[in-house]
N, C-alpha and C. Protein backbone atom coordinates (compact mmCIF):
# COMPACT_ATOMS: atom_id res chain seq x y z
N MET A 1 0.79 -24.78 -31.73
CA MET A 1 0.23 -24.62 -30.68
C MET A 1 -1.44 -25.40 -30.10
N SER A 2 -1.30 -25.93 -28.75
CA SER A 2 -2.52 -26.64 -28.97
C SER A 2 -3.24 -25.77 -27.99
N GLU A 3 -4.84 -26.10 -27.81
CA GLU A 3 -5.78 -25.56 -26.92
C GLU A 3 -5.06 -24.66 -25.59
N LYS A 4 -4.47 -25.79 -24.54
CA LYS A 4 -3.60 -25.36 -23.45
C LYS A 4 -3.13 -24.28 -23.47
N GLU A 5 -2.11 -24.48 -24.38
CA GLU A 5 -0.99 -23.65 -24.06
C GLU A 5 -1.28 -21.93 -24.83
N MET A 6 -2.61 -22.22 -25.60
CA MET A 6 -3.41 -20.76 -26.25
C MET A 6 -3.69 -20.26 -24.59
N ILE A 7 -5.12 -21.39 -23.82
CA ILE A 7 -5.35 -20.42 -23.08
C ILE A 7 -4.19 -19.82 -21.90
N GLU A 8 -3.09 -20.72 -21.57
CA GLU A 8 -2.47 -20.52 -20.54
C GLU A 8 -1.85 -18.93 -21.50
N ALA A 9 -1.50 -18.52 -22.35
CA ALA A 9 -0.84 -17.70 -22.97
C ALA A 9 -1.74 -16.51 -22.40
N LEU A 10 -3.12 -16.68 -22.61
CA LEU A 10 -4.00 -15.41 -22.82
C LEU A 10 -4.09 -15.54 -21.30
N GLY A 11 -3.65 -16.10 -20.81
CA GLY A 11 -4.33 -15.61 -19.26
C GLY A 11 -2.72 -15.20 -18.37
N ARG A 12 -1.28 -15.22 -18.86
CA ARG A 12 -0.05 -14.59 -18.67
C ARG A 12 -0.43 -13.77 -19.25
N VAL A 13 -1.20 -12.85 -20.36
CA VAL A 13 -1.25 -11.97 -20.93
C VAL A 13 -2.57 -10.95 -20.23
N GLU A 14 -3.38 -11.35 -19.57
CA GLU A 14 -4.48 -11.06 -18.80
C GLU A 14 -4.13 -10.30 -17.37
N ALA A 15 -3.22 -11.25 -17.02
CA ALA A 15 -2.61 -10.90 -16.05
C ALA A 15 -1.05 -9.53 -16.15
N ALA A 16 -0.78 -9.88 -17.47
CA ALA A 16 -0.17 -8.61 -17.23
C ALA A 16 -0.77 -7.81 -17.51
N THR A 17 -1.60 -7.38 -18.36
CA THR A 17 -2.31 -6.42 -18.49
C THR A 17 -3.27 -5.53 -16.89
N ASP A 18 -3.49 -6.58 -16.38
CA ASP A 18 -3.90 -6.22 -15.20
C ASP A 18 -2.75 -5.35 -14.72
N ARG A 19 -1.58 -5.99 -14.32
CA ARG A 19 -0.67 -5.49 -13.59
C ARG A 19 -0.34 -4.10 -14.25
N THR A 20 -0.46 -3.37 -15.13
CA THR A 20 -0.25 -2.73 -16.05
C THR A 20 -1.38 -1.47 -15.47
N THR A 21 -2.60 -1.82 -15.11
CA THR A 21 -3.47 -1.36 -15.42
C THR A 21 -3.46 -0.25 -14.10
N TYR A 22 -2.90 -0.87 -13.20
CA TYR A 22 -3.16 -0.79 -11.86
C TYR A 22 -1.58 0.63 -11.62
N ALA A 23 -0.52 -0.05 -12.42
CA ALA A 23 0.19 0.52 -12.74
C ALA A 23 0.03 1.83 -12.67
N VAL A 24 -0.31 1.50 -14.19
CA VAL A 24 -1.20 3.43 -14.97
C VAL A 24 -2.35 3.97 -13.78
N ARG A 25 -2.92 3.37 -13.17
CA ARG A 25 -3.48 3.95 -12.39
C ARG A 25 -2.89 4.21 -11.19
N ALA A 26 -1.87 3.97 -10.18
CA ALA A 26 -1.11 4.68 -9.25
C ALA A 26 -0.87 5.72 -9.70
N PHE A 27 -0.07 6.00 -10.86
CA PHE A 27 0.38 7.26 -11.52
C PHE A 27 -0.26 8.22 -11.56
N VAL A 28 -1.61 7.92 -11.70
CA VAL A 28 -1.98 9.00 -12.31
C VAL A 28 -2.93 8.83 -11.36
N ARG A 29 -3.83 8.62 -10.34
CA ARG A 29 -3.89 9.16 -8.76
C ARG A 29 -2.67 9.71 -7.96
N PHE A 30 -1.58 9.50 -7.80
CA PHE A 30 -0.47 10.18 -7.38
C PHE A 30 -0.69 11.33 -8.11
N LEU A 31 -0.52 11.59 -9.43
CA LEU A 31 -0.24 12.74 -9.78
C LEU A 31 -1.68 13.87 -9.36
N PHE A 32 -2.94 13.13 -9.56
CA PHE A 32 -4.33 13.83 -9.50
C PHE A 32 -4.43 14.69 -8.27
N ILE A 33 -3.51 13.88 -7.09
CA ILE A 33 -3.92 14.35 -5.77
C ILE A 33 -2.70 15.02 -5.63
N GLN A 34 -1.86 14.77 -6.20
CA GLN A 34 -0.47 15.90 -5.73
C GLN A 34 -0.86 17.15 -6.05
N LEU A 35 -1.48 17.73 -7.98
CA LEU A 35 -1.78 18.26 -8.81
C LEU A 35 -3.04 19.34 -7.54
N SER A 36 -3.95 18.62 -6.86
CA SER A 36 -5.02 18.98 -6.52
C SER A 36 -4.40 19.83 -5.05
N ALA A 37 -3.64 19.05 -4.39
CA ALA A 37 -3.21 19.82 -3.40
C ALA A 37 -2.50 21.17 -3.53
N THR A 38 -1.16 20.66 -4.75
CA THR A 38 -0.94 21.87 -4.43
C THR A 38 -1.21 23.13 -4.76
N THR A 39 -2.13 22.95 -6.10
CA THR A 39 -2.92 23.78 -6.55
C THR A 39 -3.83 24.78 -5.34
N ILE A 40 -4.35 24.03 -4.21
CA ILE A 40 -5.46 24.19 -3.34
C ILE A 40 -4.08 25.12 -2.23
N GLY A 41 -3.15 24.68 -1.85
CA GLY A 41 -2.10 24.98 -1.31
C GLY A 41 -1.51 26.34 -1.89
N SER A 42 -1.44 26.36 -3.17
CA SER A 42 -0.64 27.86 -4.07
C SER A 42 -1.61 28.67 -4.03
N MET A 43 -3.10 28.41 -3.96
CA MET A 43 -4.28 29.20 -3.89
C MET A 43 -4.50 30.36 -2.15
N CYS A 44 -3.79 29.23 -1.84
CA CYS A 44 -3.90 30.10 0.14
C CYS A 44 -2.75 31.07 0.29
N ALA A 45 -2.06 30.46 -0.63
CA ALA A 45 -0.54 31.34 0.03
C ALA A 45 -0.81 32.48 -1.20
N ALA A 46 -1.06 32.58 -1.83
CA ALA A 46 -1.33 33.66 -3.12
C ALA A 46 -2.70 34.63 -2.21
N ALA A 47 -4.08 34.11 -1.67
CA ALA A 47 -4.65 34.98 -0.95
C ALA A 47 -4.61 35.54 0.07
N ALA A 48 -3.46 34.57 0.67
CA ALA A 48 -2.61 34.92 2.09
C ALA A 48 -1.54 36.42 2.03
N ALA A 49 -0.92 36.36 0.75
CA ALA A 49 -0.33 37.33 0.32
C ALA A 49 -0.76 38.88 -0.08
N ALA A 50 -1.88 38.45 -0.60
CA ALA A 50 -2.68 39.60 -1.02
C ALA A 50 -3.77 40.48 0.05
N LEU A 51 -3.51 39.19 0.85
CA LEU A 51 -4.84 39.92 2.08
C LEU A 51 -4.29 40.22 3.49
N GLY A 52 -2.34 39.86 3.29
CA GLY A 52 -1.99 39.80 4.62
C GLY A 52 -1.77 39.01 6.04
N TRP A 53 -2.62 37.76 5.47
CA TRP A 53 -3.22 36.67 6.70
C TRP A 53 -1.93 35.84 7.04
N PRO A 54 -1.41 35.95 7.86
CA PRO A 54 -0.16 34.61 7.88
C PRO A 54 -0.63 33.42 7.96
N TRP A 55 -1.68 33.54 8.88
CA TRP A 55 -2.40 32.12 9.01
C TRP A 55 -2.67 31.46 7.77
N LEU A 56 -3.05 31.94 6.57
CA LEU A 56 -3.51 31.72 5.32
C LEU A 56 -2.18 31.05 4.54
N ALA A 57 -1.89 31.51 5.05
CA ALA A 57 -0.35 30.77 4.46
C ALA A 57 0.20 29.36 4.88
N VAL A 58 0.33 29.44 6.30
CA VAL A 58 0.40 28.44 6.85
C VAL A 58 -0.51 27.47 6.59
N LEU A 59 -1.75 27.73 6.30
CA LEU A 59 -2.57 26.50 5.78
C LEU A 59 -2.24 26.20 4.95
N GLY A 60 -2.04 27.04 3.50
CA GLY A 60 -1.56 26.19 2.13
C GLY A 60 -0.61 25.76 2.36
N GLY A 61 0.81 25.70 3.16
CA GLY A 61 1.72 25.10 3.28
C GLY A 61 1.14 23.43 3.63
N LEU A 62 0.71 23.51 4.91
CA LEU A 62 0.09 22.57 5.68
C LEU A 62 -0.35 21.77 4.40
N VAL A 63 -1.64 22.45 3.35
CA VAL A 63 -2.21 21.40 3.04
C VAL A 63 -1.29 20.78 1.65
N THR A 64 -0.60 21.39 1.11
CA THR A 64 0.28 21.39 0.26
C THR A 64 0.74 20.16 0.60
N ALA A 65 1.91 19.98 1.89
CA ALA A 65 2.97 18.84 2.29
C ALA A 65 1.48 18.01 2.83
N GLY A 66 0.39 17.97 3.31
CA GLY A 66 -0.18 16.79 4.01
C GLY A 66 -0.91 16.30 2.30
N GLY A 67 -0.96 16.85 1.26
CA GLY A 67 -1.82 16.57 0.25
C GLY A 67 -0.42 15.71 -0.53
N LEU A 68 1.06 16.16 -0.23
CA LEU A 68 2.29 15.75 -1.32
C LEU A 68 2.26 14.15 -0.10
N PHE A 69 2.10 14.26 0.93
CA PHE A 69 2.14 12.98 1.84
C PHE A 69 1.37 11.93 1.33
N TRP A 70 -0.31 12.24 1.46
CA TRP A 70 -0.87 11.39 0.54
C TRP A 70 -0.74 10.59 -0.42
N ALA A 71 -0.22 11.66 -1.28
CA ALA A 71 -0.14 11.24 -2.99
C ALA A 71 0.38 10.28 -3.10
N GLY A 72 1.60 10.47 -1.82
CA GLY A 72 2.90 8.96 -2.11
C GLY A 72 2.42 7.73 -1.36
N PHE A 73 1.50 7.93 -0.67
CA PHE A 73 0.71 6.59 0.09
C PHE A 73 -0.04 6.64 -0.61
N ALA A 74 -0.80 7.01 -1.35
CA ALA A 74 -1.79 6.85 -1.78
C ALA A 74 -1.26 6.14 -3.15
N GLY A 75 -0.53 6.59 -3.79
CA GLY A 75 0.32 6.07 -5.21
C GLY A 75 1.10 4.48 -5.13
N ARG A 76 1.76 4.82 -3.91
CA ARG A 76 2.18 3.18 -3.49
C ARG A 76 1.03 2.12 -3.10
N ALA A 77 0.62 2.79 -2.49
CA ALA A 77 -1.06 1.28 -2.53
C ALA A 77 -1.75 0.90 -3.72
N GLU A 78 -1.44 2.04 -4.49
CA GLU A 78 -2.13 1.25 -5.58
C GLU A 78 -1.04 0.37 -6.85
N LEU A 79 0.17 1.18 -6.60
CA LEU A 79 1.32 0.28 -7.30
C LEU A 79 1.60 -1.07 -6.70
N ARG A 80 1.17 -1.28 -5.30
CA ARG A 80 1.45 -2.92 -4.48
C ARG A 80 0.56 -3.84 -5.08
N LYS A 81 -0.79 -3.08 -6.06
CA LYS A 81 -1.68 -3.90 -6.65
C LYS A 81 -1.89 -4.69 -7.66
N SER A 82 -0.47 -3.54 -8.27
CA SER A 82 0.15 -4.13 -9.96
C SER A 82 0.84 -5.24 -9.47
N ASN A 83 1.24 -5.26 -8.45
CA ASN A 83 2.15 -7.01 -8.36
C ASN A 83 3.16 -6.94 -8.55
N PRO A 84 4.21 -6.42 -8.88
CA PRO A 84 5.29 -6.23 -10.16
C PRO A 84 6.06 -7.72 -10.46
N ASN A 85 6.28 -8.32 -9.16
CA ASN A 85 7.37 -9.49 -8.81
C ASN A 85 6.38 -10.71 -9.21
N GLY A 86 5.07 -11.02 -8.80
CA GLY A 86 4.44 -11.83 -8.56
C GLY A 86 3.92 -12.60 -7.11
N LYS A 87 4.29 -11.55 -6.14
CA LYS A 87 4.40 -12.44 -5.22
C LYS A 87 2.75 -12.73 -4.96
N THR A 88 2.34 -13.43 -3.21
CA THR A 88 0.89 -13.81 -3.30
C THR A 88 1.38 -14.12 -1.96
N ARG A 89 0.33 -13.50 -1.09
CA ARG A 89 0.02 -13.72 0.23
C ARG A 89 -1.75 -14.48 0.55
N GLY A 90 -1.46 -15.61 0.73
CA GLY A 90 -3.03 -16.08 0.79
C GLY A 90 -4.09 -15.95 -0.63
N GLY A 91 -3.05 -15.93 -1.57
CA GLY A 91 -3.86 -15.62 -2.48
C GLY A 91 -3.85 -14.27 -2.87
N LEU A 92 -3.75 -13.60 -2.68
CA LEU A 92 -4.02 -11.85 -2.90
C LEU A 92 -2.72 -11.30 -2.68
N PRO A 93 -2.48 -10.29 -3.76
CA PRO A 93 -1.25 -9.65 -3.77
C PRO A 93 -0.32 -8.81 -2.78
N LEU A 94 0.58 -9.38 -2.59
CA LEU A 94 1.18 -8.39 -1.85
C LEU A 94 1.05 -6.83 -1.80
């Protein structure tokens, strides 16, 4: 294997590693946001049940639902950075 071929192979390995890093980051970010929102929403719901404050239960539901949507959008945004199909637009990954 020539030096030029070796450098090209290393470039492909580096690109694959970058894609994997972004994919893992997307998954971890999604889980962290989802877990945080669900925990806060559940704590609000538990406090609402204990105190008899229905508005707090509604707030907990809104926090949970909003967090789940936010997690989905954030995870997709990070996953888009992994550029799994190698598509680019203006030199940047789609």
